[in-house]
Protein backbone atom coordinates (compact mmCIF):
# COMPACT_ATOMS: atom_id res chain seq x y z
CA MET A 1 32.64 34.99 -13.81
CA ASN A 2 36.16 33.54 -13.97
CA ALA A 3 35.47 32.25 -17.48
CA LYS A 4 34.48 35.76 -18.58
CA ILE A 5 37.60 37.32 -17.08
CA LEU A 6 39.76 34.64 -18.68
CA TYR A 7 37.95 35.18 -21.97
CA ASN A 8 38.60 38.97 -21.90
CA ALA A 9 42.26 38.46 -20.97
CA ASN A 10 42.78 35.98 -23.76
CA ALA A 11 40.90 38.14 -26.20
CA LEU A 12 43.44 40.88 -25.61
CA VAL A 13 46.29 38.48 -26.34
CA SER A 14 44.70 36.37 -29.04
CA PRO A 15 41.31 36.83 -30.75
CA GLU A 16 41.21 33.11 -31.53
CA ALA A 17 41.49 32.29 -27.83
CA GLY A 18 38.59 34.59 -27.04
CA VAL A 19 36.41 32.86 -29.63
CA PHE A 20 37.32 29.48 -28.14
CA PHE A 21 36.22 30.39 -24.61
CA ARG A 22 33.00 31.99 -25.83
CA ALA A 23 32.14 28.83 -27.76
CA SER A 24 32.86 26.76 -24.65
CA ASP A 25 30.49 28.87 -22.54
CA GLU A 26 27.73 28.55 -25.14
CA THR A 27 28.28 24.78 -25.36
CA GLU A 28 28.02 24.33 -21.59
CA GLY A 29 24.84 26.41 -21.46
CA GLY A 30 23.40 24.48 -24.37
CA SER A 31 24.10 21.15 -22.70
CA ASP A 32 22.26 22.27 -19.56
CA ILE A 33 19.25 23.30 -21.63
CA ASN A 34 19.30 19.98 -23.49
CA ARG A 35 19.40 18.04 -20.24
CA LEU A 36 16.47 20.06 -18.93
CA LYS A 37 14.51 19.41 -22.12
CA LYS A 38 15.21 15.68 -21.88
CA ALA A 39 14.05 15.65 -18.25
CA MET A 40 10.86 17.50 -19.16
CA ARG A 41 10.17 15.09 -22.03
CA LEU A 42 10.66 12.14 -19.66
CA VAL A 43 8.28 13.63 -17.09
CA ASN A 44 5.66 14.34 -19.76
CA GLU A 45 6.00 10.81 -21.10
CA LEU A 46 5.52 9.33 -17.63
CA ILE A 47 2.46 11.53 -17.06
CA ARG A 48 0.94 10.49 -20.40
CA ARG A 49 1.61 6.84 -19.63
CA TYR A 50 0.10 7.18 -16.15
CA ARG A 51 -3.09 8.64 -17.64
CA ALA A 52 -3.42 6.26 -20.57
CA ASP A 53 -1.98 2.96 -19.28
CA MET A 54 -4.27 1.58 -16.56
CA PRO A 55 -2.02 -1.38 -15.56
CA TYR A 56 0.90 1.05 -15.17
CA ARG A 57 -1.29 3.38 -13.10
CA ALA A 58 -2.34 0.42 -10.97
CA ARG A 59 1.28 -0.54 -10.26
CA ILE A 60 2.15 3.03 -9.24
CA SER A 61 -0.84 3.18 -6.91
CA LEU A 62 0.05 -0.19 -5.42
CA TYR A 63 3.62 0.82 -4.66
CA ALA A 64 2.46 4.10 -3.11
CA SER A 65 -0.10 2.36 -0.90
CA LEU A 66 2.47 -0.30 0.04
CA LEU A 67 4.84 2.38 1.33
CA MET A 68 2.03 3.98 3.35
CA ASN A 69 1.06 0.58 4.78
CA LEU A 70 4.65 -0.17 5.82
CA PHE A 71 4.88 3.23 7.49
CA TYR A 72 1.60 2.57 9.36
CA ALA A 73 2.77 -0.91 10.40
CA SER A 74 6.07 0.53 11.64
CA PHE A 75 4.14 3.08 13.68
CA LYS A 76 2.08 0.28 15.25
CA LEU A 77 5.19 -1.79 15.96
CA ILE A 78 6.97 1.12 17.65
CA SER A 79 3.82 1.84 19.68
CA GLY A 80 3.65 -1.81 20.75
CA ILE A 81 7.26 -1.77 21.93
CA TYR A 82 6.99 1.62 23.64
CA TYR A 83 3.73 0.83 25.46
CA THR A 84 4.51 -2.92 25.86
CA SER A 85 1.09 -3.59 24.32
CA PHE A 86 0.16 -7.03 23.03
CA TRP A 87 -2.50 -5.67 20.68
CA TYR A 88 -0.33 -3.02 19.06
CA GLY A 89 2.43 -5.57 18.52
CA ALA A 90 0.04 -8.21 17.14
CA ASP A 91 -1.62 -5.63 14.89
CA ALA A 92 1.80 -4.52 13.60
CA VAL A 93 2.85 -8.11 12.82
CA PHE A 94 -0.47 -8.72 11.08
CA LEU A 95 -0.03 -5.60 8.94
CA ILE A 96 3.59 -6.47 8.13
CA VAL A 97 2.55 -9.96 6.97
CA LEU A 98 -0.18 -8.44 4.80
CA SER A 99 2.34 -5.93 3.41
CA GLY A 100 4.69 -8.81 2.60
CA MET A 101 1.88 -10.55 0.74
CA ARG A 102 1.15 -7.33 -1.13
CA LEU A 103 4.80 -6.98 -2.13
CA PHE A 104 4.90 -10.58 -3.33
CA MET A 105 1.78 -10.12 -5.43
CA ILE A 106 2.97 -6.77 -6.81
CA ARG A 107 6.10 -8.51 -8.05
CA GLN A 108 3.84 -10.96 -9.85
CA VAL A 109 1.98 -8.02 -11.40
CA ARG A 110 5.29 -6.77 -12.78
CA LYS A 111 6.18 -10.15 -14.27
CA ARG A 112 2.82 -11.05 -15.85
CA GLY A 113 4.65 -13.63 -17.93
CA GLY A 114 3.30 -16.89 -16.56
CA GLY A 115 -0.13 -16.68 -18.14
CA LEU A 116 -3.52 -17.08 -16.49
CA VAL A 117 -2.61 -20.46 -15.01
CA GLN A 118 0.23 -18.96 -12.99
CA GLU A 119 -1.86 -15.94 -12.03
CA TYR A 120 -4.71 -18.07 -10.73
CA ARG A 121 -2.27 -20.19 -8.73
CA GLN A 122 -0.94 -17.04 -7.08
CA TYR A 123 -4.52 -15.87 -6.57
CA ARG A 124 -5.36 -19.16 -4.82
CA PHE A 125 -2.22 -18.93 -2.69
CA CYS A 126 -3.28 -15.45 -1.57
CA GLY A 127 -6.70 -16.83 -0.63
CA CYS A 128 -5.10 -19.58 1.47
CA MET A 129 -2.90 -17.02 3.23
CA LEU A 130 -5.92 -14.83 3.97
CA PHE A 131 -7.69 -17.86 5.44
CA ALA A 132 -4.72 -18.62 7.73
CA LEU A 133 -4.44 -14.98 8.79
CA ASN A 134 -8.15 -14.93 9.51
CA VAL A 135 -7.71 -17.81 11.95
CA ALA A 136 -4.88 -15.92 13.66
CA PHE A 137 -7.04 -12.79 13.78
CA ILE A 138 -9.76 -14.72 15.59
CA GLY A 139 -7.21 -15.57 18.27
CA VAL A 140 -6.30 -11.89 18.58
CA ILE A 141 -9.97 -10.94 18.99
CA ILE A 142 -10.41 -13.52 21.73
CA GLN A 143 -7.33 -12.15 23.48
CA ILE A 144 -8.64 -8.59 23.26
CA VAL A 145 -12.11 -9.51 24.52
CA ASN A 146 -10.81 -11.56 27.44
CA HIS A 147 -7.96 -9.31 28.56
CA GLY A 148 -8.69 -5.97 26.91
CA MET A 149 -6.10 -3.34 26.07
CA GLU A 150 -3.81 -1.92 28.71
CA HIS A 151 -2.74 1.15 26.73
CA GLN A 152 -4.30 3.81 24.58
CA TYR A 153 -2.97 6.38 22.15
CA PRO A 154 -2.00 9.61 23.92
CA GLY A 155 -3.26 13.05 22.97
CA HIS A 156 -4.41 13.60 19.41
CA ILE A 157 -2.67 10.52 17.95
CA ILE A 158 -5.98 8.67 18.08
CA TYR A 159 -7.36 11.12 15.49
CA VAL A 160 -4.40 10.47 13.21
CA VAL A 161 -5.10 6.74 13.51
CA ALA A 162 -8.77 7.35 12.68
CA ILE A 163 -7.95 9.38 9.57
CA SER A 164 -5.49 6.69 8.43
CA ALA A 165 -8.00 3.88 8.95
CA PHE A 166 -10.77 5.53 6.93
CA PHE A 167 -8.31 6.66 4.27
CA PHE A 168 -7.02 3.12 3.70
CA LEU A 169 -10.57 1.73 3.69
CA SER A 170 -11.80 4.22 1.09
CA LEU A 171 -8.64 3.72 -0.99
CA ALA A 172 -9.05 -0.07 -0.93
CA ILE A 173 -12.70 0.10 -2.02
CA LYS A 174 -11.89 2.66 -4.73
CA ASN A 175 -9.07 0.53 -6.15
CA MET A 176 -11.22 -2.61 -6.15
CA VAL A 177 -13.89 -0.81 -8.18
CA ILE A 178 -11.47 0.87 -10.62
CA TYR A 179 -9.07 -2.00 -11.32
CA HIS A 180 -11.62 -4.83 -11.32
CA LYS A 181 -12.17 -4.19 -15.03
CA LEU A 182 -8.55 -5.22 -15.78
CA ASN A 183 -9.57 -8.84 -15.15
CA SER A 184 -6.20 -9.69 -13.59
CA PRO A 185 -6.30 -12.37 -10.87
CA VAL A 186 -3.00 -11.18 -9.37
CA LEU A 187 -4.16 -7.58 -9.26
CA SER A 188 -7.47 -8.68 -7.73
CA ALA A 189 -5.52 -10.55 -5.05
CA VAL A 190 -3.57 -7.40 -4.20
CA MET A 191 -6.82 -5.46 -3.87
CA SER A 192 -8.25 -8.15 -1.59
CA ILE A 193 -5.20 -7.89 0.65
CA SER A 194 -5.63 -4.11 0.77
CA LEU A 195 -9.26 -4.49 1.82
CA ALA A 196 -8.36 -7.04 4.51
CA LYS A 197 -5.71 -4.70 5.88
CA ALA A 198 -8.18 -1.79 5.93
CA LEU A 199 -10.77 -3.87 7.79
CA VAL A 200 -8.25 -4.90 10.44
CA ALA A 201 -7.23 -1.25 10.85
CA LEU A 202 -10.91 -0.32 11.26
CA PHE A 203 -11.33 -2.90 14.04
CA ALA A 204 -8.17 -1.60 15.74
CA LEU A 205 -9.57 1.94 15.49
CA GLN A 206 -12.84 0.96 17.18
CA ASN A 207 -10.94 -0.80 19.95
CA SER A 208 -8.75 2.25 20.53
CA MET A 209 -11.72 4.63 20.46
CA LEU A 210 -13.58 2.56 23.04
CA ILE A 211 -10.57 2.52 25.34
CA SER A 212 -10.01 6.27 24.93
CA PHE A 213 -13.60 7.52 25.15
CA GLY A 214 -15.76 4.58 26.23
CA ASN A 215 -15.83 5.04 29.98
CA GLY A 216 -15.99 8.81 29.62
CA GLY A 217 -19.06 8.33 27.46
CA GLY A 218 -20.70 6.02 29.98
CA ILE A 219 -20.12 2.82 28.01
CA SER A 220 -19.76 -0.19 30.27
CA GLU A 221 -17.05 -2.84 29.95
CA THR A 222 -19.67 -5.39 28.90
CA THR A 223 -20.95 -3.15 26.10
CA MET A 224 -17.40 -2.52 24.92
CA LYS A 225 -16.74 -6.27 24.74
CA ILE A 226 -19.99 -6.82 22.82
CA LEU A 227 -19.04 -4.10 20.30
CA ASN A 228 -15.58 -5.58 19.83
CA VAL A 229 -16.99 -9.08 19.37
CA PHE A 230 -19.54 -7.82 16.85
CA THR A 231 -17.09 -5.77 14.76
CA GLY A 232 -14.40 -8.43 14.98
CA SER A 233 -16.87 -11.10 13.87
CA VAL A 234 -17.96 -8.99 10.89
CA VAL A 235 -14.35 -8.44 9.85
CA CYS A 236 -13.59 -12.16 10.22
CA LEU A 237 -16.65 -13.14 8.17
CA ILE A 238 -15.73 -10.74 5.38
CA MET A 239 -12.13 -11.97 5.31
CA PHE A 240 -13.31 -15.59 5.44
CA GLY A 241 -15.72 -14.97 2.56
CA MET A 242 -12.97 -13.30 0.53
CA ALA A 243 -10.58 -16.21 1.15
CA VAL A 244 -13.15 -18.87 0.26
CA TYR A 245 -14.25 -16.96 -2.86
CA MET A 246 -10.66 -16.59 -4.05
CA ILE A 247 -9.86 -20.27 -3.54
CA ILE A 248 -13.06 -21.50 -5.23
CA ARG A 249 -12.77 -19.04 -8.12
CA ALA A 250 -9.13 -20.00 -8.72
CA ASN A 251 -9.90 -23.74 -8.67
CA MET A 252 -12.86 -23.37 -11.02
CA ASN A 253 -10.89 -21.26 -13.49
CA LEU A 254 -7.88 -23.57 -13.37
CA LYS A 255 -10.19 -26.47 -14.22
CA GLY A 256 -11.98 -24.64 -16.99
CA ILE A 257 -9.09 -22.70 -18.45
CA SER A 258 -8.30 -25.48 -20.92
CA LYS A 259 -11.81 -25.05 -22.33
CA GLY A 260 -11.36 -21.31 -22.67
CA ALA A 261 -13.79 -20.57 -19.83
CA SER A 262 -13.12 -17.94 -17.19
CA ILE A 263 -15.28 -16.95 -14.26
C-alpha cells in the first residue's frame, strides 16, 4: 500500500520515478513466484524419488519409525518414573537401547561405502547385541513372574499402548517383507531390531492387559504367570533365533565373500 502511494506521488513529480517503483513491485512479486516454483519443483522431485528409489524410501521410513520408537520409549520412561515401576523403567531402557542400535545401523545405511564386508560385520555386531539383550530380557521376565507389576496404566491409556504395540508389529513385518529384496545386510539388521522391539512391546502389552483386566475377568495369579512365561519364552526364542541366524549368516558370507558367494 505504501509503495503504491509512494509510486503515485513520485509519478506526479517525475514519470521516471513512477516507472522505477512499478518495476520494483513487479520484480518483488516475480521473485516470490520464482521461489514458490522452486519449492514446488523440490517437493515434486522428492516425491518422485520417494516413489522410484527404494533405498531412499527405506531410509525415510526408518527415520520416521525411529522417531516414533523414541517417543514411545520416552513415554515408558516417564511412566516408570511417575509410577516408580521397575517394569516400565526396564522396558524403557530396553527400547532406548534398541533405538540406539537402530540409529547406529541407519547411519551405516547412509554411508554404504564400506562394501559387503563392512556391512556383514555390522550385521554380525547387531546379532551379538540382540543376543546380549535377549539375555537381559530373560532376567526381566523372571523379575516380572516372581514379583509381578505393582502399577497399571490408568484410564484409556492401555488402549493407546495396545494400538501402538500392534502398529509397530505390523510395520516391522511389512518392512521386513518389502525391503528384504534390497539384499542389504545393514538394512536387514535394522529390520530385525524393529521386529525385536515390536515383540518386546507385545509382551509388555500382554502384561499390562493382564494386570488391568485379569482379575476382573476371573483369571488367577497362577494363570497370569503361566501366560507371561509362555509369551516371554516365545519372544525370547524368536529373538534368540534371529540373533543366531544373523551371526551365522554373517560369518558364512564373510568366509565365502572372496569366492563371490553370498547366502
